[in-house]
């Protein structure tokens, strides 16, 4: 803030862009979500085949954990496909 005679001039504070939530996590492993979100009786999404707890964990999971979640989802998907034959 500075004053010029009887006039007070305020200067806006420097604005920093907000730090993204969980910015320490690399986007190397993309989400398997396909926007067909429906949970079955076991709380598994019928679109991406992740368990609801895996979906909740996704944003804070590191790449290694994300790969494990994706592998488990793929196994669930293959199991459902085999049962459908």
PDB file of N, CA and C in Angstrom:
ATOM      1  N   UNK A   1       0.841  -1.157   0.000  1.00  0.00           N
ATOM      2  CA  UNK A   1       0.000   0.000   0.000  1.00  0.00           C
ATOM      3  C   UNK A   1       0.892   1.228   0.000  1.00  0.00           C
ATOM      4  N   UNK A   2       0.558   2.221  -0.769  1.00  0.00           N
ATOM      5  CA  UNK A   2       1.286   3.480  -0.778  1.00  0.00           C
ATOM      6  C   UNK A   2       0.284   4.612  -0.749  1.00  0.00           C
ATOM      7  N   UNK A   3       0.748   5.778  -0.311  1.00  0.00           N
ATOM      8  CA  UNK A   3      -0.181   6.909  -0.276  1.00  0.00           C
ATOM      9  C   UNK A   3       0.381   8.028  -1.131  1.00  0.00           C
ATOM     10  N   UNK A   4      -0.496   8.684  -1.806  1.00  0.00           N
ATOM     11  CA  UNK A   4      -0.147   9.828  -2.649  1.00  0.00           C
ATOM     12  C   UNK A   4      -1.002  10.986  -2.135  1.00  0.00           C
ATOM     13  N   UNK A   5      -0.412  11.822  -1.316  1.00  0.00           N
ATOM     14  CA  UNK A   5      -1.182  12.900  -0.723  1.00  0.00           C
ATOM     15  C   UNK A   5      -2.214  12.319   0.195  1.00  0.00           C
ATOM     16  N   UNK A   6      -3.456  12.628  -0.038  1.00  0.00           N
ATOM     17  CA  UNK A   6      -4.535  12.082   0.780  1.00  0.00           C
ATOM     18  C   UNK A   6      -5.145  10.829   0.152  1.00  0.00           C
ATOM     19  N   UNK A   7      -4.607  10.433  -0.976  1.00  0.00           N
ATOM     20  CA  UNK A   7      -5.133   9.285  -1.711  1.00  0.00           C
ATOM     21  C   UNK A   7      -4.356   8.013  -1.331  1.00  0.00           C
ATOM     22  N   UNK A   8      -5.063   6.936  -1.024  1.00  0.00           N
ATOM     23  CA  UNK A   8      -4.424   5.665  -0.699  1.00  0.00           C
ATOM     24  C   UNK A   8      -4.581   4.734  -1.893  1.00  0.00           C
ATOM     25  N   UNK A   9      -3.466   4.211  -2.349  1.00  0.00           N
ATOM     26  CA  UNK A   9      -3.473   3.298  -3.489  1.00  0.00           C
ATOM     27  C   UNK A   9      -3.079   1.917  -2.978  1.00  0.00           C
ATOM     28  N   UNK A  10      -3.924   0.955  -3.225  1.00  0.00           N
ATOM     29  CA  UNK A  10      -3.592  -0.411  -2.825  1.00  0.00           C
ATOM     30  C   UNK A  10      -3.113  -1.169  -4.045  1.00  0.00           C
ATOM     31  N   UNK A  11      -2.126  -2.010  -3.817  1.00  0.00           N
ATOM     32  CA  UNK A  11      -1.570  -2.814  -4.898  1.00  0.00           C
ATOM     33  C   UNK A  11      -1.934  -4.267  -4.636  1.00  0.00           C
ATOM     34  N   UNK A  12      -2.390  -4.962  -5.657  1.00  0.00           N
ATOM     35  CA  UNK A  12      -2.764  -6.361  -5.433  1.00  0.00           C
ATOM     36  C   UNK A  12      -1.547  -7.199  -5.054  1.00  0.00           C
ATOM     37  N   UNK A  13      -1.789  -8.151  -4.181  1.00  0.00           N
ATOM     38  CA  UNK A  13      -0.718  -9.070  -3.782  1.00  0.00           C
ATOM     39  C   UNK A  13      -0.371  -9.970  -4.960  1.00  0.00           C
ATOM     40  N   UNK A  14       0.874 -10.370  -4.998  1.00  0.00           N
ATOM     41  CA  UNK A  14       1.296 -11.303  -6.047  1.00  0.00           C
ATOM     42  C   UNK A  14       0.497 -12.591  -5.905  1.00  0.00           C
ATOM     43  N   UNK A  15      -0.001 -13.071  -7.013  1.00  0.00           N
ATOM     44  CA  UNK A  15      -0.824 -14.281  -6.992  1.00  0.00           C
ATOM     45  C   UNK A  15      -0.007 -15.442  -7.524  1.00  0.00           C
ATOM     46  N   UNK A  16       0.087 -16.483  -6.696  1.00  0.00           N
ATOM     47  CA  UNK A  16       0.769 -17.707  -7.118  1.00  0.00           C
ATOM     48  C   UNK A  16      -0.290 -18.704  -7.554  1.00  0.00           C
ATOM     49  N   UNK A  17      -0.030 -19.442  -8.606  1.00  0.00           N
ATOM     50  CA  UNK A  17      -1.004 -20.469  -8.987  1.00  0.00           C
ATOM     51  C   UNK A  17      -1.116 -21.498  -7.861  1.00  0.00           C
ATOM     52  N   UNK A  18      -2.317 -22.020  -7.625  1.00  0.00           N
ATOM     53  CA  UNK A  18      -2.472 -23.003  -6.551  1.00  0.00           C
ATOM     54  C   UNK A  18      -1.680 -24.267  -6.846  1.00  0.00           C
ATOM     55  N   UNK A  19      -1.126 -24.842  -5.805  1.00  0.00           N
ATOM     56  CA  UNK A  19      -0.389 -26.094  -5.938  1.00  0.00           C
ATOM     57  C   UNK A  19      -1.416 -27.214  -6.087  1.00  0.00           C
ATOM     58  N   UNK A  20      -1.290 -28.029  -7.108  1.00  0.00           N
ATOM     59  CA  UNK A  20      -2.266 -29.111  -7.295  1.00  0.00           C
ATOM     60  C   UNK A  20      -2.261 -30.078  -6.116  1.00  0.00           C
ATOM     61  N   UNK A  21      -3.428 -30.577  -5.803  1.00  0.00           N
ATOM     62  CA  UNK A  21      -3.554 -31.575  -4.763  1.00  0.00           C
ATOM     63  C   UNK A  21      -2.740 -32.797  -5.154  1.00  0.00           C
ATOM     64  N   UNK A  22      -1.981 -33.329  -4.237  1.00  0.00           N
ATOM     65  CA  UNK A  22      -1.122 -34.487  -4.476  1.00  0.00           C
ATOM     66  C   UNK A  22      -0.148 -34.229  -5.629  1.00  0.00           C
ATOM     67  N   UNK A  23       0.451 -33.066  -5.653  1.00  0.00           N
ATOM     68  CA  UNK A  23       1.340 -32.704  -6.754  1.00  0.00           C
ATOM     69  C   UNK A  23       2.625 -33.527  -6.774  1.00  0.00           C
ATOM     70  N   UNK A  24       2.871 -34.283  -5.709  1.00  0.00           N
ATOM     71  CA  UNK A  24       4.066 -35.123  -5.680  1.00  0.00           C
ATOM     72  C   UNK A  24       3.875 -36.426  -6.450  1.00  0.00           C
ATOM     73  N   UNK A  25       2.689 -36.681  -6.943  1.00  0.00           N
ATOM     74  CA  UNK A  25       2.398 -37.926  -7.658  1.00  0.00           C
ATOM     75  C   UNK A  25       2.505 -37.666  -9.157  1.00  0.00           C
ATOM     76  N   UNK A  26       3.280 -38.469  -9.834  1.00  0.00           N
ATOM     77  CA  UNK A  26       3.435 -38.287 -11.268  1.00  0.00           C
ATOM     78  C   UNK A  26       2.245 -38.891 -12.007  1.00  0.00           C
ATOM     79  N   UNK A  27       1.867 -38.314 -13.123  1.00  0.00           N
ATOM     80  CA  UNK A  27       0.745 -38.857 -13.899  1.00  0.00           C
ATOM     81  C   UNK A  27       1.168 -39.969 -14.853  1.00  0.00           C
ATOM     82  N   UNK A  28       2.259 -40.653 -14.557  1.00  0.00           N
ATOM     83  CA  UNK A  28       2.781 -41.685 -15.459  1.00  0.00           C
ATOM     84  C   UNK A  28       1.798 -42.834 -15.652  1.00  0.00           C
ATOM     85  N   UNK A  29       0.998 -43.130 -14.626  1.00  0.00           N
ATOM     86  CA  UNK A  29       0.012 -44.202 -14.729  1.00  0.00           C
ATOM     87  C   UNK A  29      -1.360 -43.540 -14.767  1.00  0.00           C
ATOM     88  N   UNK A  30      -1.980 -43.566 -15.930  1.00  0.00           N
ATOM     89  CA  UNK A  30      -3.266 -42.891 -16.063  1.00  0.00           C
ATOM     90  C   UNK A  30      -4.396 -43.723 -15.459  1.00  0.00           C
ATOM     91  N   UNK A  31      -5.436 -43.045 -15.082  1.00  0.00           N
ATOM     92  CA  UNK A  31      -6.584 -43.688 -14.459  1.00  0.00           C
ATOM     93  C   UNK A  31      -7.285 -44.619 -15.454  1.00  0.00           C
ATOM     94  N   UNK A  32      -7.714 -45.784 -14.998  1.00  0.00           N
ATOM     95  CA  UNK A  32      -8.455 -46.690 -15.871  1.00  0.00           C
ATOM     96  C   UNK A  32      -9.936 -46.320 -15.989  1.00  0.00           C
ATOM     97  N   UNK A  33     -10.356 -45.240 -15.322  1.00  0.00           N
ATOM     98  CA  UNK A  33     -11.761 -44.835 -15.348  1.00  0.00           C
ATOM     99  C   UNK A  33     -12.212 -44.559 -16.777  1.00  0.00           C
ATOM    100  N   UNK A  34     -13.376 -45.109 -17.137  1.00  0.00           N
ATOM    101  CA  UNK A  34     -13.949 -44.870 -18.463  1.00  0.00           C
ATOM    102  C   UNK A  34     -15.297 -44.159 -18.351  1.00  0.00           C
ATOM    103  N   UNK A  35     -15.550 -43.572 -17.193  1.00  0.00           N
ATOM    104  CA  UNK A  35     -16.769 -42.785 -16.919  1.00  0.00           C
ATOM    105  C   UNK A  35     -18.047 -43.594 -17.054  1.00  0.00           C
ATOM    106  N   UNK A  36     -17.990 -44.868 -16.712  1.00  0.00           N
ATOM    107  CA  UNK A  36     -19.172 -45.729 -16.624  1.00  0.00           C
ATOM    108  C   UNK A  36     -19.227 -46.258 -15.195  1.00  0.00           C
ATOM    109  N   UNK A  37     -19.427 -45.364 -14.258  1.00  0.00           N
ATOM    110  CA  UNK A  37     -19.268 -45.664 -12.836  1.00  0.00           C
ATOM    111  C   UNK A  37     -20.537 -46.261 -12.230  1.00  0.00           C
ATOM    112  N   UNK A  38     -20.495 -47.553 -11.984  1.00  0.00           N
ATOM    113  CA  UNK A  38     -21.583 -48.287 -11.326  1.00  0.00           C
ATOM    114  C   UNK A  38     -20.944 -49.344 -10.444  1.00  0.00           C
ATOM    115  N   UNK A  39     -21.276 -49.344  -9.158  1.00  0.00           N
ATOM    116  CA  UNK A  39     -20.713 -50.334  -8.243  1.00  0.00           C
ATOM    117  C   UNK A  39     -21.613 -51.562  -8.178  1.00  0.00           C
ATOM    118  N   UNK A  40     -20.995 -52.736  -8.152  1.00  0.00           N
ATOM    119  CA  UNK A  40     -21.750 -53.972  -7.980  1.00  0.00           C
ATOM    120  C   UNK A  40     -21.871 -54.290  -6.490  1.00  0.00           C
ATOM    121  N   UNK A  41     -22.360 -55.485  -6.174  1.00  0.00           N
ATOM    122  CA  UNK A  41     -22.568 -55.884  -4.773  1.00  0.00           C
ATOM    123  C   UNK A  41     -21.267 -55.946  -3.978  1.00  0.00           C
ATOM    124  N   UNK A  42     -20.153 -56.208  -4.645  1.00  0.00           N
ATOM    125  CA  UNK A  42     -18.846 -56.289  -3.975  1.00  0.00           C
ATOM    126  C   UNK A  42     -18.129 -54.936  -3.930  1.00  0.00           C
ATOM    127  N   UNK A  43     -18.847 -53.886  -4.320  1.00  0.00           N
ATOM    128  CA  UNK A  43     -18.310 -52.520  -4.367  1.00  0.00           C
ATOM    129  C   UNK A  43     -17.181 -52.386  -5.379  1.00  0.00           C
ATOM    130  N   UNK A  44     -17.352 -53.062  -6.514  1.00  0.00           N
ATOM    131  CA  UNK A  44     -16.408 -52.977  -7.626  1.00  0.00           C
ATOM    132  C   UNK A  44     -17.095 -52.223  -8.753  1.00  0.00           C
ATOM    133  N   UNK A  45     -16.393 -51.254  -9.315  1.00  0.00           N
ATOM    134  CA  UNK A  45     -16.948 -50.481 -10.424  1.00  0.00           C
ATOM    135  C   UNK A  45     -17.063 -51.375 -11.658  1.00  0.00           C
ATOM    136  N   UNK A  46     -18.210 -51.362 -12.299  1.00  0.00           N
ATOM    137  CA  UNK A  46     -18.435 -52.188 -13.492  1.00  0.00           C
ATOM    138  C   UNK A  46     -17.829 -51.554 -14.741  1.00  0.00           C
ATOM    139  N   UNK A  47     -17.373 -50.320 -14.629  1.00  0.00           N
ATOM    140  CA  UNK A  47     -16.723 -49.670 -15.766  1.00  0.00           C
ATOM    141  C   UNK A  47     -15.232 -49.946 -15.812  1.00  0.00           C
ATOM    142  N   UNK A  48     -14.548 -49.690 -14.681  1.00  0.00           N
ATOM    143  CA  UNK A  48     -13.081 -49.832 -14.656  1.00  0.00           C
ATOM    144  C   UNK A  48     -12.603 -51.037 -13.843  1.00  0.00           C
ATOM    145  N   UNK A  49     -13.517 -51.682 -13.130  1.00  0.00           N
ATOM    146  CA  UNK A  49     -13.238 -52.889 -12.340  1.00  0.00           C
ATOM    147  C   UNK A  49     -12.310 -52.646 -11.151  1.00  0.00           C
ATOM    148  N   UNK A  50     -12.246 -51.382 -10.693  1.00  0.00           N
ATOM    149  CA  UNK A  50     -11.522 -51.100  -9.452  1.00  0.00           C
ATOM    150  C   UNK A  50     -12.492 -51.196  -8.279  1.00  0.00           C
ATOM    151  N   UNK A  51     -11.985 -51.657  -7.151  1.00  0.00           N
ATOM    152  CA  UNK A  51     -12.772 -51.678  -5.921  1.00  0.00           C
ATOM    153  C   UNK A  51     -12.914 -50.237  -5.443  1.00  0.00           C
ATOM    154  N   UNK A  52     -14.007 -49.942  -4.752  1.00  0.00           N
ATOM    155  CA  UNK A  52     -14.253 -48.578  -4.289  1.00  0.00           C
ATOM    156  C   UNK A  52     -13.092 -48.036  -3.448  1.00  0.00           C
ATOM    157  N   UNK A  53     -12.447 -48.891  -2.664  1.00  0.00           N
ATOM    158  CA  UNK A  53     -11.305 -48.430  -1.863  1.00  0.00           C
ATOM    159  C   UNK A  53     -10.112 -48.067  -2.757  1.00  0.00           C
ATOM    160  N   UNK A  54      -9.936 -48.794  -3.856  1.00  0.00           N
ATOM    161  CA  UNK A  54      -8.869 -48.461  -4.807  1.00  0.00           C
ATOM    162  C   UNK A  54      -9.163 -47.128  -5.494  1.00  0.00           C
ATOM    163  N   UNK A  55     -10.420 -46.881  -5.796  1.00  0.00           N
ATOM    164  CA  UNK A  55     -10.820 -45.610  -6.415  1.00  0.00           C
ATOM    165  C   UNK A  55     -10.517 -44.463  -5.457  1.00  0.00           C
ATOM    166  N   UNK A  56     -10.863 -44.641  -4.194  1.00  0.00           N
ATOM    167  CA  UNK A  56     -10.582 -43.600  -3.193  1.00  0.00           C
ATOM    168  C   UNK A  56      -9.085 -43.357  -3.040  1.00  0.00           C
ATOM    169  N   UNK A  57      -8.308 -44.409  -3.108  1.00  0.00           N
ATOM    170  CA  UNK A  57      -6.867 -44.316  -2.901  1.00  0.00           C
ATOM    171  C   UNK A  57      -6.127 -43.723  -4.097  1.00  0.00           C
ATOM    172  N   UNK A  58      -6.715 -43.794  -5.282  1.00  0.00           N
ATOM    173  CA  UNK A  58      -6.032 -43.485  -6.529  1.00  0.00           C
ATOM    174  C   UNK A  58      -5.289 -42.154  -6.502  1.00  0.00           C
ATOM    175  N   UNK A  59      -5.919 -41.096  -6.067  1.00  0.00           N
ATOM    176  CA  UNK A  59      -5.308 -39.762  -6.132  1.00  0.00           C
ATOM    177  C   UNK A  59      -4.041 -39.653  -5.300  1.00  0.00           C
ATOM    178  N   UNK A  60      -3.949 -40.404  -4.216  1.00  0.00           N
ATOM    179  CA  UNK A  60      -2.767 -40.305  -3.357  1.00  0.00           C
ATOM    180  C   UNK A  60      -1.766 -41.442  -3.579  1.00  0.00           C
ATOM    181  N   UNK A  61      -2.118 -42.394  -4.434  1.00  0.00           N
ATOM    182  CA  UNK A  61      -1.246 -43.551  -4.674  1.00  0.00           C
ATOM    183  C   UNK A  61      -0.054 -43.166  -5.549  1.00  0.00           C
ATOM    184  N   UNK A  62       1.099 -43.780  -5.258  1.00  0.00           N
ATOM    185  CA  UNK A  62       2.254 -43.561  -6.130  1.00  0.00           C
ATOM    186  C   UNK A  62       2.115 -44.470  -7.354  1.00  0.00           C
ATOM    187  N   UNK A  63       3.009 -44.304  -8.307  1.00  0.00           N
ATOM    188  CA  UNK A  63       2.901 -45.053  -9.569  1.00  0.00           C
ATOM    189  C   UNK A  63       2.940 -46.562  -9.361  1.00  0.00           C
ATOM    190  N   UNK A  64       3.782 -47.027  -8.452  1.00  0.00           N
ATOM    191  CA  UNK A  64       3.869 -48.474  -8.200  1.00  0.00           C
ATOM    192  C   UNK A  64       2.527 -49.004  -7.708  1.00  0.00           C
ATOM    193  N   UNK A  65       1.919 -48.301  -6.761  1.00  0.00           N
ATOM    194  CA  UNK A  65       0.614 -48.734  -6.234  1.00  0.00           C
ATOM    195  C   UNK A  65      -0.450 -48.648  -7.322  1.00  0.00           C
ATOM    196  N   UNK A  66      -0.409 -47.622  -8.150  1.00  0.00           N
ATOM    197  CA  UNK A  66      -1.377 -47.497  -9.242  1.00  0.00           C
ATOM    198  C   UNK A  66      -1.265 -48.679 -10.207  1.00  0.00           C
ATOM    199  N   UNK A  67      -0.040 -49.126 -10.464  1.00  0.00           N
ATOM    200  CA  UNK A  67       0.134 -50.290 -11.357  1.00  0.00           C
ATOM    201  C   UNK A  67      -0.482 -51.546 -10.737  1.00  0.00           C
ATOM    202  N   UNK A  68      -0.333 -51.699  -9.428  1.00  0.00           N
ATOM    203  CA  UNK A  68      -0.939 -52.839  -8.731  1.00  0.00           C
ATOM    204  C   UNK A  68      -2.462 -52.754  -8.831  1.00  0.00           C
ATOM    205  N   UNK A  69      -3.018 -51.570  -8.606  1.00  0.00           N
ATOM    206  CA  UNK A  69      -4.472 -51.382  -8.701  1.00  0.00           C
ATOM    207  C   UNK A  69      -4.960 -51.725 -10.104  1.00  0.00           C
ATOM    208  N   UNK A  70      -4.236 -51.276 -11.121  1.00  0.00           N
ATOM    209  CA  UNK A  70      -4.622 -51.573 -12.511  1.00  0.00           C
ATOM    210  C   UNK A  70      -4.540 -53.068 -12.807  1.00  0.00           C
ATOM    211  N   UNK A  71      -3.516 -53.726 -12.296  1.00  0.00           N
ATOM    212  CA  UNK A  71      -3.368 -55.169 -12.511  1.00  0.00           C
ATOM    213  C   UNK A  71      -4.519 -55.927 -11.847  1.00  0.00           C
ATOM    214  N   UNK A  72      -4.881 -55.531 -10.642  1.00  0.00           N
ATOM    215  CA  UNK A  72      -5.999 -56.182  -9.946  1.00  0.00           C
ATOM    216  C   UNK A  72      -7.311 -55.942 -10.696  1.00  0.00           C
ATOM    217  N   UNK A  73      -7.483 -54.734 -11.208  1.00  0.00           N
ATOM    218  CA  UNK A  73      -8.691 -54.423 -11.972  1.00  0.00           C
ATOM    219  C   UNK A  73      -8.770 -55.265 -13.247  1.00  0.00           C
ATOM    220  N   UNK A  74      -7.632 -55.434 -13.906  1.00  0.00           N
ATOM    221  CA  UNK A  74      -7.597 -56.252 -15.117  1.00  0.00           C
ATOM    222  C   UNK A  74      -7.963 -57.700 -14.808  1.00  0.00           C
ATOM    223  N   UNK A  75      -7.466 -58.231 -13.702  1.00  0.00           N
ATOM    224  CA  UNK A  75      -7.823 -59.601 -13.298  1.00  0.00           C
ATOM    225  C   UNK A  75      -9.325 -59.719 -13.034  1.00  0.00           C
ATOM    226  N   UNK A  76      -9.894 -58.715 -12.375  1.00  0.00           N
ATOM    227  CA  UNK A  76     -11.351 -58.736 -12.141  1.00  0.00           C
ATOM    228  C   UNK A  76     -12.113 -58.712 -13.459  1.00  0.00           C
ATOM    229  N   UNK A  77     -11.666 -57.868 -14.381  1.00  0.00           N
ATOM    230  CA  UNK A  77     -12.330 -57.760 -15.687  1.00  0.00           C
ATOM    231  C   UNK A  77     -12.266 -59.084 -16.442  1.00  0.00           C
ATOM    232  N   UNK A  78     -11.095 -59.713 -16.436  1.00  0.00           N
ATOM    233  CA  UNK A  78     -10.934 -60.999 -17.118  1.00  0.00           C
ATOM    234  C   UNK A  78     -11.794 -62.080 -16.469  1.00  0.00           C
ATOM    235  N   UNK A  79     -11.905 -62.045 -15.167  1.00  0.00           N
ATOM    236  CA  UNK A  79     -12.729 -63.013 -14.441  1.00  0.00           C
ATOM    237  C   UNK A  79     -14.197 -62.868 -14.818  1.00  0.00           C
ATOM    238  N   UNK A  80     -14.658 -61.633 -14.887  1.00  0.00           N
ATOM    239  CA  UNK A  80     -16.054 -61.369 -15.278  1.00  0.00           C
ATOM    240  C   UNK A  80     -16.290 -61.820 -16.710  1.00  0.00           C
ATOM    241  N   UNK A  81     -15.339 -61.557 -17.597  1.00  0.00           N
ATOM    242  CA  UNK A  81     -15.468 -61.971 -19.005  1.00  0.00           C
ATOM    243  C   UNK A  81     -15.518 -63.484 -19.117  1.00  0.00           C
ATOM    244  N   UNK A  82     -14.696 -64.197 -18.331  1.00  0.00           N
ATOM    245  CA  UNK A  82     -14.671 -65.661 -18.364  1.00  0.00           C
ATOM    246  C   UNK A  82     -15.982 -66.237 -17.838  1.00  0.00           C
ATOM    247  N   UNK A  83     -16.556 -65.602 -16.837  1.00  0.00           N
ATOM    248  CA  UNK A  83     -17.840 -66.066 -16.292  1.00  0.00           C
ATOM    249  C   UNK A  83     -18.977 -65.857 -17.270  1.00  0.00           C
ATOM    250  N   UNK A  84     -18.832 -64.849 -18.123  1.00  0.00           N
ATOM    251  CA  UNK A  84     -19.882 -64.533 -19.086  1.00  0.00           C
ATOM    252  C   UNK A  84     -19.921 -65.458 -20.279  1.00  0.00           C
ATOM    253  N   UNK A  85     -18.903 -66.288 -20.450  1.00  0.00           N
ATOM    254  CA  UNK A  85     -18.862 -67.189 -21.623  1.00  0.00           C
ATOM    255  C   UNK A  85     -19.796 -68.333 -21.499  1.00  0.00           C
TER     256      UNK A  85
END
